């Protein structure tokens, strides 16, 4: 017997032969798996609408190629996040494009768009006692009203206002600070009293972009590394 014949014989002995019942069971499992995959791809649930998702994926690609996106969404996947977030808020794709912005991996909303959402929820918006140091916002609906005041000092103490070269341009005296103060007051009021207005959105773009991201110290990194080494041992 040649070496080739020996190899074929040895290979045949290693082949696991299934019964007809086992083969039928495998086919059934494949059919069930295929049916589930098809259901996920075509059936709308309270969590996911695959038809809309597919349309948004194609739209995201077209918008990227068309150069119609902002700096926060440079890939179709990033833009798709904005479109999905907007869809959950009831926004059209173009409204999502112009109203939402990704800051540090979180979807935020531009201040002007947020004020529009307040009005959509039936609240009228007014500002009073506006100075470079504070801004009070008052929202009302029928006999109900909510009032909150945002202080420039609070923004300073939170590290929002200062950059590497001193005061950030958005917080310098003038129209920029006026809008920052207004949106700061709106953000504070909504997060405290009316979180439903934000829905799944993390916050206001003009405010969240100034939020200080905690920097992990060398000591923290060493402690984490030591903890990881102890777990491995």
C-alpha atoms as a PDB file:
ATOM      1  CA  UNK A   1       0.000   0.000   0.000  1.00  0.00           C
ATOM      2  CA  UNK A   2       1.421   3.370  -1.023  1.00  0.00           C
ATOM      3  CA  UNK A   3       1.891   6.318   1.343  1.00  0.00           C
ATOM      4  CA  UNK A   4      -0.980   8.153  -0.378  1.00  0.00           C
ATOM      5  CA  UNK A   5      -3.340   5.232   0.191  1.00  0.00           C
ATOM      6  CA  UNK A   6      -2.262   5.028   3.831  1.00  0.00           C
ATOM      7  CA  UNK A   7      -2.963   8.743   4.290  1.00  0.00           C
ATOM      8  CA  UNK A   8      -6.417   8.409   2.737  1.00  0.00           C
ATOM      9  CA  UNK A   9      -7.189   5.426   4.954  1.00  0.00           C
ATOM     10  CA  UNK A  10      -6.021   7.282   8.055  1.00  0.00           C
ATOM     11  CA  UNK A  11      -8.102  10.340   7.078  1.00  0.00           C
ATOM     12  CA  UNK A  12     -11.202   8.233   6.577  1.00  0.00           C
ATOM     13  CA  UNK A  13     -10.851   6.763  10.046  1.00  0.00           C
ATOM     14  CA  UNK A  14     -10.830  10.271  11.525  1.00  0.00           C
ATOM     15  CA  UNK A  15     -13.957  11.459   9.709  1.00  0.00           C
ATOM     16  CA  UNK A  16     -16.947  11.601  12.041  1.00  0.00           C
ATOM     17  CA  UNK A  17     -19.881  10.123  10.215  1.00  0.00           C
ATOM     18  CA  UNK A  18     -23.288  11.433  11.269  1.00  0.00           C
ATOM     19  CA  UNK A  19     -26.535   9.546  11.237  1.00  0.00           C
ATOM     20  CA  UNK A  20     -29.453  10.730   9.113  1.00  0.00           C
ATOM     21  CA  UNK A  21     -31.151  12.016  12.271  1.00  0.00           C
ATOM     22  CA  UNK A  22     -28.102  14.077  13.230  1.00  0.00           C
ATOM     23  CA  UNK A  23     -27.820  15.534   9.727  1.00  0.00           C
ATOM     24  CA  UNK A  24     -31.517  16.425   9.786  1.00  0.00           C
ATOM     25  CA  UNK A  25     -31.050  18.115  13.181  1.00  0.00           C
ATOM     26  CA  UNK A  26     -28.129  20.184  11.842  1.00  0.00           C
ATOM     27  CA  UNK A  27     -30.222  21.305   8.874  1.00  0.00           C
ATOM     28  CA  UNK A  28     -33.063  22.271  11.210  1.00  0.00           C
ATOM     29  CA  UNK A  29     -30.701  24.331  13.388  1.00  0.00           C
ATOM     30  CA  UNK A  30     -29.365  26.148  10.332  1.00  0.00           C
ATOM     31  CA  UNK A  31     -32.898  26.928   9.176  1.00  0.00           C
ATOM     32  CA  UNK A  32     -33.802  28.321  12.628  1.00  0.00           C
ATOM     33  CA  UNK A  33     -30.623  30.431  12.712  1.00  0.00           C
ATOM     34  CA  UNK A  34     -31.341  31.784   9.241  1.00  0.00           C
ATOM     35  CA  UNK A  35     -34.944  32.605  10.218  1.00  0.00           C
ATOM     36  CA  UNK A  36     -33.742  34.490  13.302  1.00  0.00           C
ATOM     37  CA  UNK A  37     -31.209  36.463  11.257  1.00  0.00           C
ATOM     38  CA  UNK A  38     -33.893  37.345   8.733  1.00  0.00           C
ATOM     39  CA  UNK A  39     -36.246  38.425  11.516  1.00  0.00           C
ATOM     40  CA  UNK A  40     -33.588  40.708  13.028  1.00  0.00           C
ATOM     41  CA  UNK A  41     -32.965  42.244   9.617  1.00  0.00           C
ATOM     42  CA  UNK A  42     -36.612  42.840   8.700  1.00  0.00           C
ATOM     43  CA  UNK A  43     -38.832  43.069  11.789  1.00  0.00           C
ATOM     44  CA  UNK A  44     -39.338  46.314  13.695  1.00  0.00           C
ATOM     45  CA  UNK A  45     -39.281  46.162  17.499  1.00  0.00           C
ATOM     46  CA  UNK A  46     -39.467  48.711  20.300  1.00  0.00           C
ATOM     47  CA  UNK A  47     -35.665  48.691  20.345  1.00  0.00           C
ATOM     48  CA  UNK A  48     -34.714  48.687  16.674  1.00  0.00           C
ATOM     49  CA  UNK A  49     -36.121  49.472  13.231  1.00  0.00           C
ATOM     50  CA  UNK A  50     -33.915  47.590  10.744  1.00  0.00           C
ATOM     51  CA  UNK A  51     -35.533  49.184   7.687  1.00  0.00           C
ATOM     52  CA  UNK A  52     -34.856  52.729   8.901  1.00  0.00           C
ATOM     53  CA  UNK A  53     -31.393  51.636  10.055  1.00  0.00           C
ATOM     54  CA  UNK A  54     -30.514  50.375   6.588  1.00  0.00           C
ATOM     55  CA  UNK A  55     -31.766  53.579   5.010  1.00  0.00           C
ATOM     56  CA  UNK A  56     -29.776  55.718   7.453  1.00  0.00           C
ATOM     57  CA  UNK A  57     -26.608  53.707   6.785  1.00  0.00           C
ATOM     58  CA  UNK A  58     -26.879  54.437   3.070  1.00  0.00           C
ATOM     59  CA  UNK A  59     -27.751  58.081   3.743  1.00  0.00           C
ATOM     60  CA  UNK A  60     -24.730  58.421   6.046  1.00  0.00           C
ATOM     61  CA  UNK A  61     -22.426  57.192   3.274  1.00  0.00           C
ATOM     62  CA  UNK A  62     -23.945  59.609   0.754  1.00  0.00           C
ATOM     63  CA  UNK A  63     -23.667  62.568   3.148  1.00  0.00           C
ATOM     64  CA  UNK A  64     -20.030  61.758   3.921  1.00  0.00           C
ATOM     65  CA  UNK A  65     -19.154  61.513   0.223  1.00  0.00           C
ATOM     66  CA  UNK A  66     -21.099  64.702  -0.409  1.00  0.00           C
ATOM     67  CA  UNK A  67     -19.035  66.621   2.157  1.00  0.00           C
ATOM     68  CA  UNK A  68     -22.193  67.652   4.003  1.00  0.00           C
ATOM     69  CA  UNK A  69     -21.101  66.706   7.522  1.00  0.00           C
ATOM     70  CA  UNK A  70     -19.423  68.545  10.396  1.00  0.00           C
ATOM     71  CA  UNK A  71     -16.047  67.772  11.945  1.00  0.00           C
ATOM     72  CA  UNK A  72     -17.507  65.467  14.615  1.00  0.00           C
ATOM     73  CA  UNK A  73     -18.684  62.898  12.056  1.00  0.00           C
ATOM     74  CA  UNK A  74     -15.899  61.991   9.656  1.00  0.00           C
ATOM     75  CA  UNK A  75     -17.018  58.412   9.009  1.00  0.00           C
ATOM     76  CA  UNK A  76     -20.395  56.905   8.060  1.00  0.00           C
ATOM     77  CA  UNK A  77     -20.424  55.067  11.405  1.00  0.00           C
ATOM     78  CA  UNK A  78     -20.039  58.286  13.395  1.00  0.00           C
ATOM     79  CA  UNK A  79     -22.706  60.018  11.344  1.00  0.00           C
ATOM     80  CA  UNK A  80     -25.007  57.036  11.765  1.00  0.00           C
ATOM     81  CA  UNK A  81     -24.843  57.552  15.546  1.00  0.00           C
ATOM     82  CA  UNK A  82     -26.130  61.114  15.083  1.00  0.00           C
ATOM     83  CA  UNK A  83     -28.869  60.023  12.697  1.00  0.00           C
ATOM     84  CA  UNK A  84     -30.030  57.259  15.053  1.00  0.00           C
ATOM     85  CA  UNK A  85     -30.050  59.648  18.021  1.00  0.00           C
ATOM     86  CA  UNK A  86     -32.046  62.133  15.989  1.00  0.00           C
ATOM     87  CA  UNK A  87     -34.472  59.418  14.878  1.00  0.00           C
ATOM     88  CA  UNK A  88     -35.113  58.562  18.542  1.00  0.00           C
ATOM     89  CA  UNK A  89     -35.896  62.250  19.159  1.00  0.00           C
ATOM     90  CA  UNK A  90     -38.253  62.458  16.189  1.00  0.00           C
ATOM     91  CA  UNK A  91     -35.875  64.551  14.067  1.00  0.00           C
ATOM     92  CA  UNK A  92     -35.466  64.272  10.321  1.00  0.00           C
ATOM     93  CA  UNK A  93     -31.984  63.307   9.046  1.00  0.00           C
ATOM     94  CA  UNK A  94     -31.130  66.888   8.073  1.00  0.00           C
ATOM     95  CA  UNK A  95     -32.388  68.182  11.430  1.00  0.00           C
ATOM     96  CA  UNK A  96     -30.138  65.617  13.118  1.00  0.00           C
ATOM     97  CA  UNK A  97     -27.233  66.737  10.963  1.00  0.00           C
ATOM     98  CA  UNK A  98     -27.691  70.385  11.967  1.00  0.00           C
ATOM     99  CA  UNK A  99     -28.913  69.943  15.560  1.00  0.00           C
ATOM    100  CA  UNK A 100     -26.656  67.262  17.062  1.00  0.00           C
ATOM    101  CA  UNK A 101     -22.919  67.130  17.707  1.00  0.00           C
ATOM    102  CA  UNK A 102     -20.655  64.415  19.132  1.00  0.00           C
ATOM    103  CA  UNK A 103     -18.517  65.643  22.033  1.00  0.00           C
ATOM    104  CA  UNK A 104     -16.084  63.201  23.671  1.00  0.00           C
ATOM    105  CA  UNK A 105     -18.032  60.234  22.341  1.00  0.00           C
ATOM    106  CA  UNK A 106     -21.412  61.515  23.553  1.00  0.00           C
ATOM    107  CA  UNK A 107     -24.210  62.929  21.416  1.00  0.00           C
ATOM    108  CA  UNK A 108     -25.073  66.500  22.400  1.00  0.00           C
ATOM    109  CA  UNK A 109     -27.506  69.053  21.019  1.00  0.00           C
ATOM    110  CA  UNK A 110     -26.842  72.618  19.928  1.00  0.00           C
ATOM    111  CA  UNK A 111     -28.318  75.203  22.304  1.00  0.00           C
ATOM    112  CA  UNK A 112     -30.654  76.736  19.734  1.00  0.00           C
ATOM    113  CA  UNK A 113     -32.073  73.306  18.902  1.00  0.00           C
ATOM    114  CA  UNK A 114     -32.615  72.595  22.599  1.00  0.00           C
ATOM    115  CA  UNK A 115     -34.629  75.783  23.057  1.00  0.00           C
ATOM    116  CA  UNK A 116     -36.737  74.647  20.101  1.00  0.00           C
ATOM    117  CA  UNK A 117     -37.335  71.320  21.892  1.00  0.00           C
ATOM    118  CA  UNK A 118     -38.464  73.176  25.010  1.00  0.00           C
ATOM    119  CA  UNK A 119     -41.076  74.953  22.915  1.00  0.00           C
ATOM    120  CA  UNK A 120     -42.034  71.651  21.276  1.00  0.00           C
ATOM    121  CA  UNK A 121     -42.785  70.360  24.771  1.00  0.00           C
ATOM    122  CA  UNK A 122     -45.075  73.369  25.307  1.00  0.00           C
ATOM    123  CA  UNK A 123     -42.728  75.531  27.401  1.00  0.00           C
ATOM    124  CA  UNK A 124     -42.210  79.219  26.671  1.00  0.00           C
ATOM    125  CA  UNK A 125     -38.729  80.546  27.391  1.00  0.00           C
ATOM    126  CA  UNK A 126     -37.604  83.883  28.802  1.00  0.00           C
ATOM    127  CA  UNK A 127     -34.356  85.249  30.222  1.00  0.00           C
ATOM    128  CA  UNK A 128     -33.999  87.909  32.882  1.00  0.00           C
ATOM    129  CA  UNK A 129     -31.386  89.568  35.096  1.00  0.00           C
ATOM    130  CA  UNK A 130     -28.740  88.996  32.416  1.00  0.00           C
ATOM    131  CA  UNK A 131     -25.265  90.279  33.226  1.00  0.00           C
ATOM    132  CA  UNK A 132     -21.780  89.064  32.307  1.00  0.00           C
ATOM    133  CA  UNK A 133     -21.782  87.271  35.676  1.00  0.00           C
ATOM    134  CA  UNK A 134     -25.176  85.548  35.717  1.00  0.00           C
ATOM    135  CA  UNK A 135     -28.238  84.609  33.671  1.00  0.00           C
ATOM    136  CA  UNK A 136     -31.678  83.563  34.861  1.00  0.00           C
ATOM    137  CA  UNK A 137     -33.944  81.444  32.662  1.00  0.00           C
ATOM    138  CA  UNK A 138     -37.686  81.142  33.203  1.00  0.00           C
ATOM    139  CA  UNK A 139     -39.767  78.496  31.427  1.00  0.00           C
ATOM    140  CA  UNK A 140     -43.542  78.420  31.756  1.00  0.00           C
ATOM    141  CA  UNK A 141     -46.460  76.306  30.624  1.00  0.00           C
ATOM    142  CA  UNK A 142     -49.928  77.449  31.653  1.00  0.00           C
ATOM    143  CA  UNK A 143     -49.814  78.152  35.383  1.00  0.00           C
ATOM    144  CA  UNK A 144     -46.547  76.242  35.844  1.00  0.00           C
ATOM    145  CA  UNK A 145     -43.174  77.932  35.697  1.00  0.00           C
ATOM    146  CA  UNK A 146     -39.605  76.932  36.528  1.00  0.00           C
ATOM    147  CA  UNK A 147     -36.747  79.346  37.150  1.00  0.00           C
ATOM    148  CA  UNK A 148     -33.016  78.755  37.462  1.00  0.00           C
ATOM    149  CA  UNK A 149     -29.899  80.933  37.497  1.00  0.00           C
ATOM    150  CA  UNK A 150     -26.511  80.136  36.031  1.00  0.00           C
ATOM    151  CA  UNK A 151     -23.433  81.949  37.375  1.00  0.00           C
ATOM    152  CA  UNK A 152     -20.196  82.650  35.527  1.00  0.00           C
ATOM    153  CA  UNK A 153     -18.292  81.852  38.722  1.00  0.00           C
ATOM    154  CA  UNK A 154     -19.762  78.342  38.732  1.00  0.00           C
ATOM    155  CA  UNK A 155     -18.468  77.866  35.194  1.00  0.00           C
ATOM    156  CA  UNK A 156     -15.058  79.141  36.302  1.00  0.00           C
ATOM    157  CA  UNK A 157     -14.962  76.858  39.328  1.00  0.00           C
ATOM    158  CA  UNK A 158     -15.915  73.905  37.114  1.00  0.00           C
ATOM    159  CA  UNK A 159     -12.982  74.615  34.784  1.00  0.00           C
ATOM    160  CA  UNK A 160     -15.213  75.440  31.811  1.00  0.00           C
ATOM    161  CA  UNK A 161     -13.900  78.898  31.012  1.00  0.00           C
ATOM    162  CA  UNK A 162     -10.099  78.620  30.941  1.00  0.00           C
ATOM    163  CA  UNK A 163      -7.873  77.121  28.291  1.00  0.00           C
ATOM    164  CA  UNK A 164      -4.134  76.933  27.730  1.00  0.00           C
ATOM    165  CA  UNK A 165      -4.060  80.580  26.644  1.00  0.00           C
ATOM    166  CA  UNK A 166      -6.371  81.974  29.312  1.00  0.00           C
ATOM    167  CA  UNK A 167     -10.071  82.676  28.931  1.00  0.00           C
ATOM    168  CA  UNK A 168     -11.639  80.644  26.113  1.00  0.00           C
ATOM    169  CA  UNK A 169     -13.025  82.719  23.276  1.00  0.00           C
ATOM    170  CA  UNK A 170     -16.557  81.515  23.915  1.00  0.00           C
ATOM    171  CA  UNK A 171     -16.471  82.975  27.428  1.00  0.00           C
ATOM    172  CA  UNK A 172     -15.036  86.376  26.573  1.00  0.00           C
ATOM    173  CA  UNK A 173     -17.254  89.377  27.146  1.00  0.00           C
ATOM    174  CA  UNK A 174     -19.789  90.000  24.420  1.00  0.00           C
ATOM    175  CA  UNK A 175     -22.291  87.959  22.444  1.00  0.00           C
ATOM    176  CA  UNK A 176     -20.346  84.716  22.873  1.00  0.00           C
ATOM    177  CA  UNK A 177     -20.536  84.814  26.665  1.00  0.00           C
ATOM    178  CA  UNK A 178     -24.176  85.921  26.523  1.00  0.00           C
ATOM    179  CA  UNK A 179     -25.077  82.764  24.585  1.00  0.00           C
ATOM    180  CA  UNK A 180     -22.870  80.565  26.792  1.00  0.00           C
ATOM    181  CA  UNK A 181     -24.630  81.921  29.881  1.00  0.00           C
ATOM    182  CA  UNK A 182     -28.078  81.395  28.352  1.00  0.00           C
ATOM    183  CA  UNK A 183     -27.320  77.838  27.295  1.00  0.00           C
ATOM    184  CA  UNK A 184     -25.655  77.160  30.639  1.00  0.00           C
ATOM    185  CA  UNK A 185     -28.830  78.260  32.411  1.00  0.00           C
ATOM    186  CA  UNK A 186     -30.971  76.152  30.055  1.00  0.00           C
ATOM    187  CA  UNK A 187     -28.744  73.098  30.547  1.00  0.00           C
ATOM    188  CA  UNK A 188     -28.859  73.463  34.324  1.00  0.00           C
ATOM    189  CA  UNK A 189     -32.635  73.852  34.400  1.00  0.00           C
ATOM    190  CA  UNK A 190     -33.395  71.003  32.011  1.00  0.00           C
ATOM    191  CA  UNK A 191     -31.035  68.503  33.619  1.00  0.00           C
ATOM    192  CA  UNK A 192     -32.467  69.364  37.035  1.00  0.00           C
ATOM    193  CA  UNK A 193     -36.182  69.690  36.320  1.00  0.00           C
ATOM    194  CA  UNK A 194     -37.023  68.599  32.757  1.00  0.00           C
ATOM    195  CA  UNK A 195     -34.688  65.748  31.704  1.00  0.00           C
ATOM    196  CA  UNK A 196     -37.368  64.374  29.377  1.00  0.00           C
ATOM    197  CA  UNK A 197     -36.658  67.297  27.038  1.00  0.00           C
ATOM    198  CA  UNK A 198     -33.144  65.964  26.436  1.00  0.00           C
ATOM    199  CA  UNK A 199     -34.343  62.414  25.919  1.00  0.00           C
ATOM    200  CA  UNK A 200     -31.326  60.248  25.080  1.00  0.00           C
ATOM    201  CA  UNK A 201     -29.096  63.278  24.434  1.00  0.00           C
ATOM    202  CA  UNK A 202     -26.206  63.799  26.850  1.00  0.00           C
ATOM    203  CA  UNK A 203     -26.272  67.589  27.075  1.00  0.00           C
ATOM    204  CA  UNK A 204     -25.816  70.919  25.310  1.00  0.00           C
ATOM    205  CA  UNK A 205     -22.935  71.126  22.861  1.00  0.00           C
ATOM    206  CA  UNK A 206     -21.837  74.645  23.819  1.00  0.00           C
ATOM    207  CA  UNK A 207     -21.571  73.608  27.483  1.00  0.00           C
ATOM    208  CA  UNK A 208     -20.328  70.022  27.208  1.00  0.00           C
ATOM    209  CA  UNK A 209     -17.477  71.011  24.894  1.00  0.00           C
ATOM    210  CA  UNK A 210     -15.985  72.983  27.810  1.00  0.00           C
ATOM    211  CA  UNK A 211     -16.387  70.213  30.369  1.00  0.00           C
ATOM    212  CA  UNK A 212     -13.058  69.127  31.777  1.00  0.00           C
ATOM    213  CA  UNK A 213     -12.196  65.506  31.061  1.00  0.00           C
ATOM    214  CA  UNK A 214     -10.512  64.017  34.142  1.00  0.00           C
ATOM    215  CA  UNK A 215      -6.850  63.213  33.519  1.00  0.00           C
ATOM    216  CA  UNK A 216      -5.663  59.949  35.011  1.00  0.00           C
ATOM    217  CA  UNK A 217      -2.652  60.563  37.252  1.00  0.00           C
ATOM    218  CA  UNK A 218       0.557  58.497  37.196  1.00  0.00           C
ATOM    219  CA  UNK A 219      -0.363  57.143  40.627  1.00  0.00           C
ATOM    220  CA  UNK A 220      -3.767  55.999  39.358  1.00  0.00           C
ATOM    221  CA  UNK A 221      -2.156  54.257  36.388  1.00  0.00           C
ATOM    222  CA  UNK A 222       0.338  52.489  38.662  1.00  0.00           C
ATOM    223  CA  UNK A 223      -2.437  51.384  41.012  1.00  0.00           C
ATOM    224  CA  UNK A 224      -4.485  49.970  38.113  1.00  0.00           C
ATOM    225  CA  UNK A 225      -1.442  48.156  36.720  1.00  0.00           C
ATOM    226  CA  UNK A 226      -0.636  46.681  40.121  1.00  0.00           C
ATOM    227  CA  UNK A 227      -4.249  45.582  40.575  1.00  0.00           C
ATOM    228  CA  UNK A 228      -4.206  43.941  37.140  1.00  0.00           C
ATOM    229  CA  UNK A 229      -0.991  42.073  37.949  1.00  0.00           C
ATOM    230  CA  UNK A 230      -2.419  40.847  41.271  1.00  0.00           C
ATOM    231  CA  UNK A 231      -5.538  39.552  39.508  1.00  0.00           C
ATOM    232  CA  UNK A 232      -3.419  37.658  36.973  1.00  0.00           C
ATOM    233  CA  UNK A 233      -1.501  35.999  39.816  1.00  0.00           C
END
